[in-house]
C-alpha atoms as a PDB file:
ATOM      1  CA  MET A   1      61.664  77.477  99.769  1.00  0.00           C
ATOM      2  CA  THR A   2      63.503  77.198  96.438  1.00  0.00           C
ATOM      3  CA  PRO A   3      67.317  77.531  96.209  1.00  0.00           C
ATOM      4  CA  ALA A   4      66.922  80.897  94.465  1.00  0.00           C
ATOM      5  CA  THR A   5      64.997  82.304  97.427  1.00  0.00           C
ATOM      6  CA  LEU A   6      67.461  81.131 100.083  1.00  0.00           C
ATOM      7  CA  PRO A   7      69.584  83.786 101.831  1.00  0.00           C
ATOM      8  CA  LEU A   8      72.882  84.509 100.117  1.00  0.00           C
ATOM      9  CA  TRP A   9      74.998  82.947 102.881  1.00  0.00           C
ATOM     10  CA  ARG A  10      72.997  79.714 102.725  1.00  0.00           C
ATOM     11  CA  ARG A  11      73.298  79.510  98.939  1.00  0.00           C
ATOM     12  CA  ARG A  12      77.058  79.966  99.168  1.00  0.00           C
ATOM     13  CA  LEU A  13      77.676  77.610 102.101  1.00  0.00           C
ATOM     14  CA  PHE A  14      74.882  75.027 101.809  1.00  0.00           C
ATOM     15  CA  GLY A  15      73.503  75.507  98.299  1.00  0.00           C
ATOM     16  CA  THR A  16      74.135  71.878  97.326  1.00  0.00           C
ATOM     17  CA  PRO A  17      74.931  68.715  99.312  1.00  0.00           C
ATOM     18  CA  ALA A  18      78.552  68.877  98.101  1.00  0.00           C
ATOM     19  CA  THR A  19      79.068  72.484  99.211  1.00  0.00           C
ATOM     20  CA  GLY A  20      77.370  71.675 102.525  1.00  0.00           C
ATOM     21  CA  ILE A  21      79.806  68.802 103.188  1.00  0.00           C
ATOM     22  CA  VAL A  22      82.791  70.961 102.250  1.00  0.00           C
ATOM     23  CA  THR A  23      81.526  73.746 104.534  1.00  0.00           C
ATOM     24  CA  LEU A  24      81.167  71.357 107.478  1.00  0.00           C
ATOM     25  CA  LEU A  25      84.611  69.849 106.912  1.00  0.00           C
ATOM     26  CA  LEU A  26      86.241  73.280 106.696  1.00  0.00           C
ATOM     27  CA  GLY A  27      84.326  74.383 109.801  1.00  0.00           C
ATOM     28  CA  LEU A  28      85.636  71.370 111.751  1.00  0.00           C
ATOM     29  CA  LEU A  29      89.179  72.037 110.523  1.00  0.00           C
ATOM     30  CA  LEU A  30      88.912  75.694 111.524  1.00  0.00           C
ATOM     31  CA  ALA A  31      87.587  74.756 114.973  1.00  0.00           C
ATOM     32  CA  TRP A  32      90.389  72.193 115.408  1.00  0.00           C
ATOM     33  CA  ILE A  33      92.963  74.922 114.692  1.00  0.00           C
ATOM     34  CA  ALA A  34      91.278  77.885 116.379  1.00  0.00           C
ATOM     35  CA  ILE A  35      90.138  76.393 119.700  1.00  0.00           C
ATOM     36  CA  PRO A  36      93.654  75.627 121.049  1.00  0.00           C
ATOM     37  CA  ILE A  37      94.855  79.071 119.941  1.00  0.00           C
ATOM     38  CA  ILE A  38      91.934  80.810 121.640  1.00  0.00           C
ATOM     39  CA  ARG A  39      92.506  78.808 124.834  1.00  0.00           C
ATOM     40  CA  TRP A  40      96.200  79.688 124.831  1.00  0.00           C
ATOM     41  CA  ALA A  41      95.770  83.373 123.945  1.00  0.00           C
ATOM     42  CA  LEU A  42      92.626  84.211 125.950  1.00  0.00           C
ATOM     43  CA  VAL A  43      91.118  81.556 128.210  1.00  0.00           C
ATOM     44  CA  ASP A  44      94.253  80.191 129.915  1.00  0.00           C
ATOM     45  CA  ALA A  45      96.313  83.363 129.519  1.00  0.00           C
ATOM     46  CA  THR A  46      97.705  85.408 132.386  1.00  0.00           C
ATOM     47  CA  TRP A  47      96.791  89.076 132.167  1.00  0.00           C
ATOM     48  CA  MET A  48      97.643  90.494 135.598  1.00  0.00           C
ATOM     49  CA  GLY A  49     100.970  90.580 137.387  1.00  0.00           C
ATOM     50  CA  SER A  50     104.414  92.100 137.150  1.00  0.00           C
ATOM     51  CA  THR A  51     106.902  89.216 137.047  1.00  0.00           C
ATOM     52  CA  ARG A  52     107.291  85.876 135.317  1.00  0.00           C
ATOM     53  CA  GLU A  53     106.332  84.086 138.528  1.00  0.00           C
ATOM     54  CA  ASP A  54     102.796  85.474 138.146  1.00  0.00           C
ATOM     55  CA  CYS A  55     102.300  83.583 134.871  1.00  0.00           C
ATOM     56  CA  GLN A  56     100.413  80.297 134.792  1.00  0.00           C
ATOM     57  CA  ALA A  57     101.566  77.328 132.783  1.00  0.00           C
ATOM     58  CA  GLY A  58      99.604  76.353 129.692  1.00  0.00           C
ATOM     59  CA  GLY A  59      98.570  79.843 128.545  1.00  0.00           C
ATOM     60  CA  ALA A  60     100.058  83.008 127.174  1.00  0.00           C
ATOM     61  CA  CYS A  61     101.888  85.299 129.583  1.00  0.00           C
ATOM     62  CA  TRP A  62     100.703  88.738 128.547  1.00  0.00           C
ATOM     63  CA  VAL A  63     102.353  90.092 131.690  1.00  0.00           C
ATOM     64  CA  PHE A  64     105.528  90.120 129.598  1.00  0.00           C
ATOM     65  CA  ILE A  65     103.912  92.451 127.063  1.00  0.00           C
ATOM     66  CA  ARG A  66     102.629  94.736 129.828  1.00  0.00           C
ATOM     67  CA  ALA A  67     106.076  94.926 131.384  1.00  0.00           C
ATOM     68  CA  ARG A  68     107.752  95.684 128.039  1.00  0.00           C
ATOM     69  CA  PHE A  69     104.972  97.697 126.415  1.00  0.00           C
ATOM     70  CA  GLY A  70     106.886 100.987 126.515  1.00  0.00           C
ATOM     71  CA  GLN A  71     109.841  99.469 124.710  1.00  0.00           C
ATOM     72  CA  PHE A  72     107.596  97.832 122.119  1.00  0.00           C
ATOM     73  CA  MET A  73     106.137 101.244 121.345  1.00  0.00           C
ATOM     74  CA  TYR A  74     109.162 103.553 121.685  1.00  0.00           C
ATOM     75  CA  GLY A  75     112.299 101.419 121.918  1.00  0.00           C
ATOM     76  CA  LEU A  76     114.917 103.064 124.131  1.00  0.00           C
ATOM     77  CA  TYR A  77     113.484 106.547 123.625  1.00  0.00           C
ATOM     78  CA  PRO A  78     113.717 108.480 126.926  1.00  0.00           C
ATOM     79  CA  VAL A  79     110.545 108.021 128.963  1.00  0.00           C
ATOM     80  CA  GLU A  80     110.246 111.698 129.808  1.00  0.00           C
ATOM     81  CA  GLU A  81     110.452 112.628 126.110  1.00  0.00           C
ATOM     82  CA  ARG A  82     107.942 110.124 124.713  1.00  0.00           C
ATOM     83  CA  TRP A  83     105.281 112.805 124.542  1.00  0.00           C
ATOM     84  CA  ARG A  84     107.138 114.102 121.504  1.00  0.00           C
ATOM     85  CA  ALA A  85     106.600 110.840 119.631  1.00  0.00           C
ATOM     86  CA  ASP A  86     102.925 110.891 120.626  1.00  0.00           C
ATOM     87  CA  LEU A  87     102.585 114.473 119.410  1.00  0.00           C
ATOM     88  CA  ALA A  88     104.243 113.613 116.092  1.00  0.00           C
ATOM     89  CA  GLY A  89     101.819 110.719 115.607  1.00  0.00           C
ATOM     90  CA  ILE A  90      98.807 112.865 116.454  1.00  0.00           C
ATOM     91  CA  ALA A  91      99.979 115.573 114.041  1.00  0.00           C
ATOM     92  CA  PHE A  92     100.357 112.995 111.269  1.00  0.00           C
ATOM     93  CA  VAL A  93      96.873 111.539 111.869  1.00  0.00           C
ATOM     94  CA  LEU A  94      95.319 115.012 111.981  1.00  0.00           C
ATOM     95  CA  GLY A  95      97.137 115.955 108.776  1.00  0.00           C
ATOM     96  CA  ILE A  96      95.784 112.877 106.967  1.00  0.00           C
ATOM     97  CA  ALA A  97      92.289 113.580 108.300  1.00  0.00           C
ATOM     98  CA  GLY A  98      92.543 117.200 107.177  1.00  0.00           C
ATOM     99  CA  VAL A  99      93.355 116.112 103.627  1.00  0.00           C
ATOM    100  CA  VAL A 100      90.649 113.429 103.516  1.00  0.00           C
ATOM    101  CA  PHE A 101      87.854 115.618 104.881  1.00  0.00           C
ATOM    102  CA  ALA A 102      88.869 118.860 103.172  1.00  0.00           C
ATOM    103  CA  PRO A 103      86.542 120.200 100.460  1.00  0.00           C
ATOM    104  CA  ALA A 104      87.416 118.897  97.010  1.00  0.00           C
ATOM    105  CA  ARG A 105      88.581 122.308  95.791  1.00  0.00           C
ATOM    106  CA  LEU A 106      91.030 122.611  98.740  1.00  0.00           C
ATOM    107  CA  ARG A 107      92.215 118.989  98.930  1.00  0.00           C
ATOM    108  CA  LEU A 108      95.291 119.465  96.744  1.00  0.00           C
ATOM    109  CA  LYS A 109      96.400 122.555  98.688  1.00  0.00           C
ATOM    110  CA  ALA A 110      95.858 120.716 101.972  1.00  0.00           C
ATOM    111  CA  ALA A 111      97.956 117.774 100.747  1.00  0.00           C
ATOM    112  CA  ILE A 112     100.785 120.080  99.656  1.00  0.00           C
ATOM    113  CA  ALA A 113     100.674 121.896 102.993  1.00  0.00           C
ATOM    114  CA  MET A 114     100.824 118.586 104.846  1.00  0.00           C
ATOM    115  CA  LEU A 115     103.815 117.395 102.801  1.00  0.00           C
ATOM    116  CA  VAL A 116     105.647 120.678 103.414  1.00  0.00           C
ATOM    117  CA  VAL A 117     104.933 120.992 107.148  1.00  0.00           C
ATOM    118  CA  LEU A 118     104.657 117.509 108.662  1.00  0.00           C
ATOM    119  CA  PRO A 119     107.934 115.780 107.571  1.00  0.00           C
ATOM    120  CA  PRO A 120     110.284 118.415 109.031  1.00  0.00           C
ATOM    121  CA  LEU A 121     107.978 118.811 112.047  1.00  0.00           C
ATOM    122  CA  GLY A 122     108.180 115.068 112.735  1.00  0.00           C
ATOM    123  CA  ILE A 123     111.987 115.034 112.482  1.00  0.00           C
ATOM    124  CA  TRP A 124     112.240 118.039 114.792  1.00  0.00           C
ATOM    125  CA  LEU A 125     109.950 116.503 117.402  1.00  0.00           C
ATOM    126  CA  LEU A 126     111.681 113.124 117.409  1.00  0.00           C
ATOM    127  CA  SER A 127     115.281 114.224 117.007  1.00  0.00           C
ATOM    128  CA  GLY A 128     115.188 117.496 118.946  1.00  0.00           C
ATOM    129  CA  GLY A 129     117.026 120.760 118.591  1.00  0.00           C
ATOM    130  CA  PHE A 130     115.675 124.331 118.579  1.00  0.00           C
ATOM    131  CA  GLY A 131     114.574 124.142 122.204  1.00  0.00           C
ATOM    132  CA  LEU A 132     114.057 120.378 122.504  1.00  0.00           C
ATOM    133  CA  ARG A 133     116.541 117.933 123.984  1.00  0.00           C
ATOM    134  CA  HIS A 134     118.450 116.054 121.298  1.00  0.00           C
ATOM    135  CA  VAL A 135     117.680 112.331 121.152  1.00  0.00           C
ATOM    136  CA  GLU A 136     120.077 110.230 119.068  1.00  0.00           C
ATOM    137  CA  THR A 137     118.557 107.861 116.545  1.00  0.00           C
ATOM    138  CA  ARG A 138     120.232 104.874 118.232  1.00  0.00           C
ATOM    139  CA  GLU A 139     117.699 105.394 121.040  1.00  0.00           C
ATOM    140  CA  TRP A 140     114.733 105.244 118.650  1.00  0.00           C
ATOM    141  CA  GLY A 141     112.942 101.954 118.261  1.00  0.00           C
ATOM    142  CA  GLY A 142     109.774  99.918 118.447  1.00  0.00           C
ATOM    143  CA  LEU A 143     106.556 100.769 116.656  1.00  0.00           C
ATOM    144  CA  MET A 144     107.551 104.445 116.563  1.00  0.00           C
ATOM    145  CA  LEU A 145     110.599 103.613 114.449  1.00  0.00           C
ATOM    146  CA  THR A 146     108.668 101.220 112.192  1.00  0.00           C
ATOM    147  CA  LEU A 147     106.154 103.943 111.358  1.00  0.00           C
ATOM    148  CA  PHE A 148     108.898 106.551 110.925  1.00  0.00           C
ATOM    149  CA  ILE A 149     110.799 104.401 108.419  1.00  0.00           C
ATOM    150  CA  SER A 150     107.592 103.506 106.554  1.00  0.00           C
ATOM    151  CA  VAL A 151     106.389 107.100 106.241  1.00  0.00           C
ATOM    152  CA  TYR A 152     109.693 108.740 105.338  1.00  0.00           C
ATOM    153  CA  ALA A 153     110.755 105.991 102.932  1.00  0.00           C
ATOM    154  CA  SER A 154     107.389 106.368 101.185  1.00  0.00           C
ATOM    155  CA  LEU A 155     107.989 110.118 100.897  1.00  0.00           C
ATOM    156  CA  ILE A 156     111.029 109.192  98.811  1.00  0.00           C
ATOM    157  CA  ALA A 157     109.486 106.250  96.970  1.00  0.00           C
ATOM    158  CA  ILE A 158     106.172 107.695  95.775  1.00  0.00           C
ATOM    159  CA  PRO A 159     107.313 110.913  94.017  1.00  0.00           C
ATOM    160  CA  LEU A 160     110.480 109.248  92.709  1.00  0.00           C
ATOM    161  CA  GLY A 161     108.471 106.270  91.473  1.00  0.00           C
ATOM    162  CA  ILE A 162     106.065 108.550  89.600  1.00  0.00           C
ATOM    163  CA  LEU A 163     108.950 110.402  87.950  1.00  0.00           C
ATOM    164  CA  LEU A 164     110.615 107.124  86.972  1.00  0.00           C
ATOM    165  CA  ALA A 165     107.360 105.819  85.490  1.00  0.00           C
ATOM    166  CA  LEU A 166     107.005 108.986  83.430  1.00  0.00           C
ATOM    167  CA  GLY A 167     110.661 108.751  82.453  1.00  0.00           C
ATOM    168  CA  ARG A 168     110.232 105.187  81.257  1.00  0.00           C
ATOM    169  CA  GLN A 169     107.355 106.356  79.041  1.00  0.00           C
ATOM    170  CA  SER A 170     109.305 109.387  77.798  1.00  0.00           C
ATOM    171  CA  GLU A 171     110.069 109.900  74.101  1.00  0.00           C
ATOM    172  CA  LEU A 172     113.573 111.142  75.019  1.00  0.00           C
ATOM    173  CA  ARG A 173     115.883 108.131  74.721  1.00  0.00           C
ATOM    174  CA  ILE A 174     118.392 109.303  77.337  1.00  0.00           C
ATOM    175  CA  VAL A 175     115.652 109.891  79.917  1.00  0.00           C
ATOM    176  CA  ARG A 176     114.061 106.548  79.124  1.00  0.00           C
ATOM    177  CA  LEU A 177     117.424 104.754  79.345  1.00  0.00           C
ATOM    178  CA  ILE A 178     118.302 106.290  82.723  1.00  0.00           C
ATOM    179  CA  SER A 179     114.867 105.384  84.112  1.00  0.00           C
ATOM    180  CA  VAL A 180     115.074 101.797  82.857  1.00  0.00           C
ATOM    181  CA  LEU A 181     118.589 101.312  84.270  1.00  0.00           C
ATOM    182  CA  PHE A 182     117.568 102.734  87.649  1.00  0.00           C
ATOM    183  CA  ILE A 183     114.436 100.589  87.902  1.00  0.00           C
ATOM    184  CA  GLU A 184     116.061  97.359  86.769  1.00  0.00           C
ATOM    185  CA  PHE A 185     119.093  97.855  89.018  1.00  0.00           C
ATOM    186  CA  TRP A 186     117.142  98.431  92.224  1.00  0.00           C
ATOM    187  CA  ARG A 187     114.605  95.715  91.418  1.00  0.00           C
ATOM    188  CA  GLY A 188     117.407  93.209  90.916  1.00  0.00           C
ATOM    189  CA  VAL A 189     119.233  93.835  94.201  1.00  0.00           C
ATOM    190  CA  PRO A 190     117.975  92.179  97.428  1.00  0.00           C
ATOM    191  CA  ILE A 191     116.618  94.749  99.857  1.00  0.00           C
ATOM    192  CA  ILE A 192     118.666  93.361 102.731  1.00  0.00           C
ATOM    193  CA  ALA A 193     121.832  93.861 100.652  1.00  0.00           C
ATOM    194  CA  VAL A 194     120.829  97.470  99.906  1.00  0.00           C
ATOM    195  CA  ILE A 195     120.341  98.242 103.604  1.00  0.00           C
ATOM    196  CA  PHE A 196     123.592  96.517 104.527  1.00  0.00           C
ATOM    197  CA  LEU A 197     125.626  98.286 101.858  1.00  0.00           C
ATOM    198  CA  ALA A 198     123.973 101.645 102.577  1.00  0.00           C
ATOM    199  CA  SER A 199     125.011 101.315 106.192  1.00  0.00           C
ATOM    200  CA  LEU A 200     128.580 100.081 105.646  1.00  0.00           C
ATOM    201  CA  LEU A 201     129.663 101.127 102.157  1.00  0.00           C
ATOM    202  CA  LEU A 202     128.265 104.655 101.924  1.00  0.00           C
ATOM    203  CA  PRO A 203     130.488 106.085 104.698  1.00  0.00           C
ATOM    204  CA  LEU A 204     133.536 104.795 102.775  1.00  0.00           C
ATOM    205  CA  ILE A 205     132.448 106.570  99.580  1.00  0.00           C
ATOM    206  CA  LEU A 206     131.640 109.962 101.091  1.00  0.00           C
ATOM    207  CA  PRO A 207     134.453 112.490 101.572  1.00  0.00           C
ATOM    208  CA  GLY A 208     136.004 112.746 105.006  1.00  0.00           C
ATOM    209  CA  GLY A 209     134.059 114.839 107.492  1.00  0.00           C
ATOM    210  CA  ILE A 210     130.723 114.151 105.784  1.00  0.00           C
ATOM    211  CA  GLY A 211     128.515 111.649 107.533  1.00  0.00           C
ATOM    212  CA  ILE A 212     124.951 110.444 107.165  1.00  0.00           C
ATOM    213  CA  ASP A 213     123.054 109.033 110.101  1.00  0.00           C
ATOM    214  CA  ARG A 214     122.663 105.241 110.083  1.00  0.00           C
ATOM    215  CA  LEU A 215     118.862 105.482 110.218  1.00  0.00           C
ATOM    216  CA  ALA A 216     118.839 108.002 107.350  1.00  0.00           C
ATOM    217  CA  ARG A 217     120.924 105.612 105.237  1.00  0.00           C
ATOM    218  CA  ALA A 218     118.460 102.788 105.859  1.00  0.00           C
ATOM    219  CA  VAL A 219     115.485 105.025 105.001  1.00  0.00           C
ATOM    220  CA  ILE A 220     117.116 106.210 101.779  1.00  0.00           C
ATOM    221  CA  GLY A 221     118.028 102.660 100.758  1.00  0.00           C
ATOM    222  CA  LEU A 222     114.506 101.383 101.350  1.00  0.00           C
ATOM    223  CA  GLY A 223     113.027 104.405  99.588  1.00  0.00           C
ATOM    224  CA  LEU A 224     115.117 103.851  96.459  1.00  0.00           C
ATOM    225  CA  VAL A 225     114.205 100.160  96.229  1.00  0.00           C
ATOM    226  CA  ILE A 226     110.478 100.718  96.762  1.00  0.00           C
ATOM    227  CA  ALA A 227     110.581 103.607  94.255  1.00  0.00           C
ATOM    228  CA  ALA A 228     111.587 101.137  91.541  1.00  0.00           C
ATOM    229  CA  TYR A 229     108.590  98.929  92.339  1.00  0.00           C
ATOM    230  CA  MET A 230     106.293 101.955  92.616  1.00  0.00           C
ATOM    231  CA  ALA A 231     107.455 103.049  89.170  1.00  0.00           C
ATOM    232  CA  GLU A 232     106.321  99.772  87.641  1.00  0.00           C
ATOM    233  CA  ALA A 233     102.953 100.028  89.404  1.00  0.00           C
ATOM    234  CA  VAL A 234     102.410 103.557  88.072  1.00  0.00           C
ATOM    235  CA  ARG A 235     103.623 102.526  84.595  1.00  0.00           C
ATOM    236  CA  GLY A 236     100.881  99.916  84.524  1.00  0.00           C
ATOM    237  CA  GLY A 237      98.327 102.655  85.178  1.00  0.00           C
ATOM    238  CA  LEU A 238      99.830 104.860  82.467  1.00  0.00           C
ATOM    239  CA  GLN A 239      99.697 102.070  79.920  1.00  0.00           C
ATOM    240  CA  ALA A 240      96.076 101.311  80.806  1.00  0.00           C
ATOM    241  CA  LEU A 241      94.984 104.766  79.658  1.00  0.00           C
ATOM    242  CA  PRO A 242      93.914 105.066  76.017  1.00  0.00           C
ATOM    243  CA  PRO A 243      96.126 107.339  73.873  1.00  0.00           C
ATOM    244  CA  GLY A 244      93.110 109.531  73.204  1.00  0.00           C
ATOM    245  CA  GLN A 245      93.387 111.030  76.696  1.00  0.00           C
ATOM    246  CA  ARG A 246      96.698 112.728  75.950  1.00  0.00           C
ATOM    247  CA  GLU A 247      95.625 113.585  72.424  1.00  0.00           C
ATOM    248  CA  ALA A 248      92.507 115.292  73.755  1.00  0.00           C
ATOM    249  CA  ALA A 249      94.571 117.225  76.319  1.00  0.00           C
ATOM    250  CA  THR A 250      96.991 118.312  73.593  1.00  0.00           C
ATOM    251  CA  ALA A 251      94.082 119.379  71.369  1.00  0.00           C
ATOM    252  CA  LEU A 252      92.889 121.635  74.199  1.00  0.00           C
ATOM    253  CA  GLY A 253      96.245 123.411  74.127  1.00  0.00           C
ATOM    254  CA  LEU A 254      97.687 121.923  77.322  1.00  0.00           C
ATOM    255  CA  THR A 255     101.440 121.560  77.578  1.00  0.00           C
ATOM    256  CA  TYR A 256     103.057 118.204  78.363  1.00  0.00           C
ATOM    257  CA  TRP A 257     103.346 118.866  82.096  1.00  0.00           C
ATOM    258  CA  LYS A 258      99.852 120.329  82.406  1.00  0.00           C
ATOM    259  CA  ALA A 259      98.347 117.448  80.467  1.00  0.00           C
ATOM    260  CA  THR A 260     100.289 114.981  82.621  1.00  0.00           C
ATOM    261  CA  GLY A 261      99.415 116.622  85.926  1.00  0.00           C
ATOM    262  CA  LEU A 262      95.774 117.445  85.210  1.00  0.00           C
ATOM    263  CA  VAL A 263      94.628 114.645  82.905  1.00  0.00           C
ATOM    264  CA  ILE A 264      96.990 111.668  82.747  1.00  0.00           C
ATOM    265  CA  LEU A 265      98.371 111.205  86.264  1.00  0.00           C
ATOM    266  CA  PRO A 266      95.070 111.479  88.184  1.00  0.00           C
ATOM    267  CA  GLN A 267      93.579 108.682  86.097  1.00  0.00           C
ATOM    268  CA  ALA A 268      96.759 106.566  86.099  1.00  0.00           C
ATOM    269  CA  LEU A 269      97.171 106.834  89.870  1.00  0.00           C
ATOM    270  CA  ARG A 270      93.561 105.805  90.409  1.00  0.00           C
ATOM    271  CA  ILE A 271      94.169 102.704  88.307  1.00  0.00           C
ATOM    272  CA  SER A 272      97.501 102.029  90.011  1.00  0.00           C
ATOM    273  CA  LEU A 273      96.220 102.513  93.559  1.00  0.00           C
ATOM    274  CA  PRO A 274      95.825  98.779  94.410  1.00  0.00           C
ATOM    275  CA  ALA A 275      99.344  97.974  93.181  1.00  0.00           C
ATOM    276  CA  MET A 276     100.815 101.020  94.951  1.00  0.00           C
ATOM    277  CA  THR A 277      99.073 100.035  98.177  1.00  0.00           C
ATOM    278  CA  ASN A 278     100.552  96.569  97.838  1.00  0.00           C
ATOM    279  CA  GLU A 279     104.027  98.074  97.544  1.00  0.00           C
ATOM    280  CA  PHE A 280     103.467 100.278 100.578  1.00  0.00           C
ATOM    281  CA  ILE A 281     102.322  97.247 102.589  1.00  0.00           C
ATOM    282  CA  ALA A 282     105.498  95.486 101.448  1.00  0.00           C
ATOM    283  CA  LEU A 283     107.478  98.522 102.619  1.00  0.00           C
ATOM    284  CA  VAL A 284     105.927  98.314 106.104  1.00  0.00           C
ATOM    285  CA  LYS A 285     106.920  94.657 106.380  1.00  0.00           C
ATOM    286  CA  ASN A 286     110.370  95.220 104.878  1.00  0.00           C
ATOM    287  CA  THR A 287     111.202  97.684 107.660  1.00  0.00           C
ATOM    288  CA  THR A 288     112.033  94.588 109.730  1.00  0.00           C
ATOM    289  CA  LEU A 289     115.156  94.150 107.583  1.00  0.00           C
ATOM    290  CA  VAL A 290     116.836  97.146 109.261  1.00  0.00           C
ATOM    291  CA  LEU A 291     117.620  94.752 112.105  1.00  0.00           C
ATOM    292  CA  VAL A 292     120.708  93.632 110.137  1.00  0.00           C
ATOM    293  CA  VAL A 293     122.315  97.027 110.819  1.00  0.00           C
ATOM    294  CA  SER A 294     121.311  97.021 114.513  1.00  0.00           C
ATOM    295  CA  ILE A 295     118.318  99.339 114.117  1.00  0.00           C
ATOM    296  CA  LEU A 296     115.665  98.018 116.484  1.00  0.00           C
ATOM    297  CA  ASP A 297     112.230  98.463 114.975  1.00  0.00           C
ATOM    298  CA  LEU A 298     109.172  96.714 116.426  1.00  0.00           C
ATOM    299  CA  LEU A 299     110.371  93.216 115.517  1.00  0.00           C
ATOM    300  CA  GLY A 300     113.916  94.067 116.586  1.00  0.00           C
ATOM    301  CA  ILE A 301     112.703  95.190 120.005  1.00  0.00           C
ATOM    302  CA  ALA A 302     110.675  91.969 120.290  1.00  0.00           C
ATOM    303  CA  GLN A 303     113.802  89.909 119.635  1.00  0.00           C
ATOM    304  CA  ALA A 304     115.961  92.033 121.921  1.00  0.00           C
ATOM    305  CA  SER A 305     113.477  91.742 124.784  1.00  0.00           C
ATOM    306  CA  LEU A 306     113.788  87.954 124.673  1.00  0.00           C
ATOM    307  CA  ALA A 307     117.436  88.276 125.728  1.00  0.00           C
ATOM    308  CA  ASP A 308     116.347  89.477 129.172  1.00  0.00           C
ATOM    309  CA  PRO A 309     117.008  86.590 131.624  1.00  0.00           C
ATOM    310  CA  ASN A 310     113.795  87.447 133.465  1.00  0.00           C
ATOM    311  CA  TRP A 311     111.685  86.743 130.372  1.00  0.00           C
ATOM    312  CA  VAL A 312     113.486  83.924 128.563  1.00  0.00           C
ATOM    313  CA  GLY A 313     111.056  81.713 126.656  1.00  0.00           C
ATOM    314  CA  MET A 314     108.448  84.382 125.858  1.00  0.00           C
ATOM    315  CA  ASN A 315     108.987  83.917 122.113  1.00  0.00           C
ATOM    316  CA  MET A 316     105.354  83.154 121.285  1.00  0.00           C
ATOM    317  CA  GLU A 317     104.033  86.180 123.152  1.00  0.00           C
ATOM    318  CA  ALA A 318     106.598  88.542 121.603  1.00  0.00           C
ATOM    319  CA  TYR A 319     106.050  87.384 118.022  1.00  0.00           C
ATOM    320  CA  VAL A 320     102.259  87.116 118.310  1.00  0.00           C
ATOM    321  CA  PHE A 321     102.046  90.657 119.704  1.00  0.00           C
ATOM    322  CA  SER A 322     104.385  92.237 117.147  1.00  0.00           C
ATOM    323  CA  GLY A 323     102.882  90.214 114.289  1.00  0.00           C
ATOM    324  CA  SER A 324      99.376  91.323 115.276  1.00  0.00           C
ATOM    325  CA  ILE A 325     100.445  94.972 115.109  1.00  0.00           C
ATOM    326  CA  TYR A 326     101.934  94.486 111.637  1.00  0.00           C
ATOM    327  CA  TRP A 327      98.736  92.754 110.529  1.00  0.00           C
ATOM    328  CA  LEU A 328      96.551  95.579 111.878  1.00  0.00           C
ATOM    329  CA  ILE A 329      98.642  98.202 110.057  1.00  0.00           C
ATOM    330  CA  CYS A 330      98.567  96.303 106.762  1.00  0.00           C
ATOM    331  CA  PHE A 331      94.852  95.514 107.077  1.00  0.00           C
ATOM    332  CA  ALA A 332      94.067  99.183 107.780  1.00  0.00           C
ATOM    333  CA  LEU A 333      96.069 100.210 104.691  1.00  0.00           C
ATOM    334  CA  SER A 334      94.191  97.661 102.605  1.00  0.00           C
ATOM    335  CA  ARG A 335      90.789  98.896 103.793  1.00  0.00           C
ATOM    336  CA  TRP A 336      91.779 102.531 103.246  1.00  0.00           C
ATOM    337  CA  SER A 337      92.870 101.665  99.724  1.00  0.00           C
ATOM    338  CA  ARG A 338      89.490 100.023  99.075  1.00  0.00           C
ATOM    339  CA  HIS A 339      87.768 103.146 100.371  1.00  0.00           C
ATOM    340  CA  LEU A 340      89.826 105.367  98.069  1.00  0.00           C
ATOM    341  CA  GLU A 341      89.057 103.084  95.120  1.00  0.00           C
ATOM    342  CA  THR A 342      85.324 103.296  95.832  1.00  0.00           C
ATOM    343  CA  LEU A 343      85.529 107.065  96.213  1.00  0.00           C
ATOM    344  CA  GLY A 344      87.452 107.349  92.948  1.00  0.00           C
ATOM    345  CA  ARG A 345      84.870 105.296  91.056  1.00  0.00           C
ATOM    346  CA  ARG A 346      82.069 107.500  92.375  1.00  0.00           C
ATOM    347  CA  MET A 347      83.885 110.672  91.350  1.00  0.00           C
ATOM    348  CA  HIS A 348      84.673 109.194  87.932  1.00  0.00           C
ATOM    349  CA  ARG A 349      81.010 108.503  87.321  1.00  0.00           C
END
C-alpha cells in the first residue's frame, strides 16, 4: 500500500517516521494528563449521597453539585417560581427554532416578531407583575442570570454595533466623528471598570427620584462595550465588499437605506459572522465580571456556595462544573456559527 492510498488519518498521523514519533509522544503526553483527570472526575468520584460525609477521598464529590444544583441554575430565585424561568428559556429556544426553520420568504418577519415579542415576555416572566408575583433582581442568579445578561446585552450590542459601523463608514463628517469617538472610548475602557462605574456612578448622575436597577445598569454597560467591538467586526465586513455592490444598487435606483438593507448589510454580515460570533462568545464569558457589583451569575454562585461550612474545599468541583457549562455554551455558539456560514455559502452560490 503506497502512502497516497493510505487512509487520511494514517497519512496525517503516521505518514512519515517523524510524524509517527511525534504522534506517539503527543499520545503519551495526553494519556499522562488525561488519565488522572478521568480517574478523579469519573472513576473515583462520588455520585450518590446527600452530605459531605458520603464523599470518598481521592475523587470528585459530585454530591456537592447535586445538593446545590438548583442554585447553580437559578441562584436565589424562589423555588415555587422557577417554572417561569424554565418557560422563558423554552420560549426563547422555540423562537430561535421558529426563525431557523421558517421558510426563506418568512424568515425576516419571523425574526422581527421574535425580537418584538420575546424580550418583553422574558422580562415579564422573570420579574413578574401583571398577575405574576414580583421577584427582585437581587434574587436572580446562576445560569439563568448568565443567559439573561448575555441575551439582553447582545440585543443592545448587535443593532448598535451595526449602526456604529455604518456611521464610521458614513460620508457625513459629524456622524463619522461621533461613531469613531464612541467606538474608541468604549474599546479603551476596561469592561470591569464600565460595570463598576455603571453600578456606582450612574445613580449619582441621574436626577433624584430616578433609579435604574443594578442588573439593568450592568446589562447596559456590557452592551455598550460589546457594541464597540461588534462595530469593528461589521466594519471589516463592509470594507471587504467591492465598491461595485453599492454602485450597482444605486444604478438600480435604490436609496441609501434600501441599498444598505437589501444589498450591502446581508453580504457584510455574512462575512462578519465569525468575528461577531467571537464577540458574542466573549460577551458570555465577560458576564462573570458582574460579580464585582455583587450580581451572582453562574460563576458567582459557584464562589458563593464555597462559603457554606458544610461544603468547604469543594473548589475543584464548583469550578469544573461551572467551567464545563461555559465551555458547552461557547462550543454550541461556535458550531452554530459554522452552520450559518455553511448555509450562507450555499445560498450565495
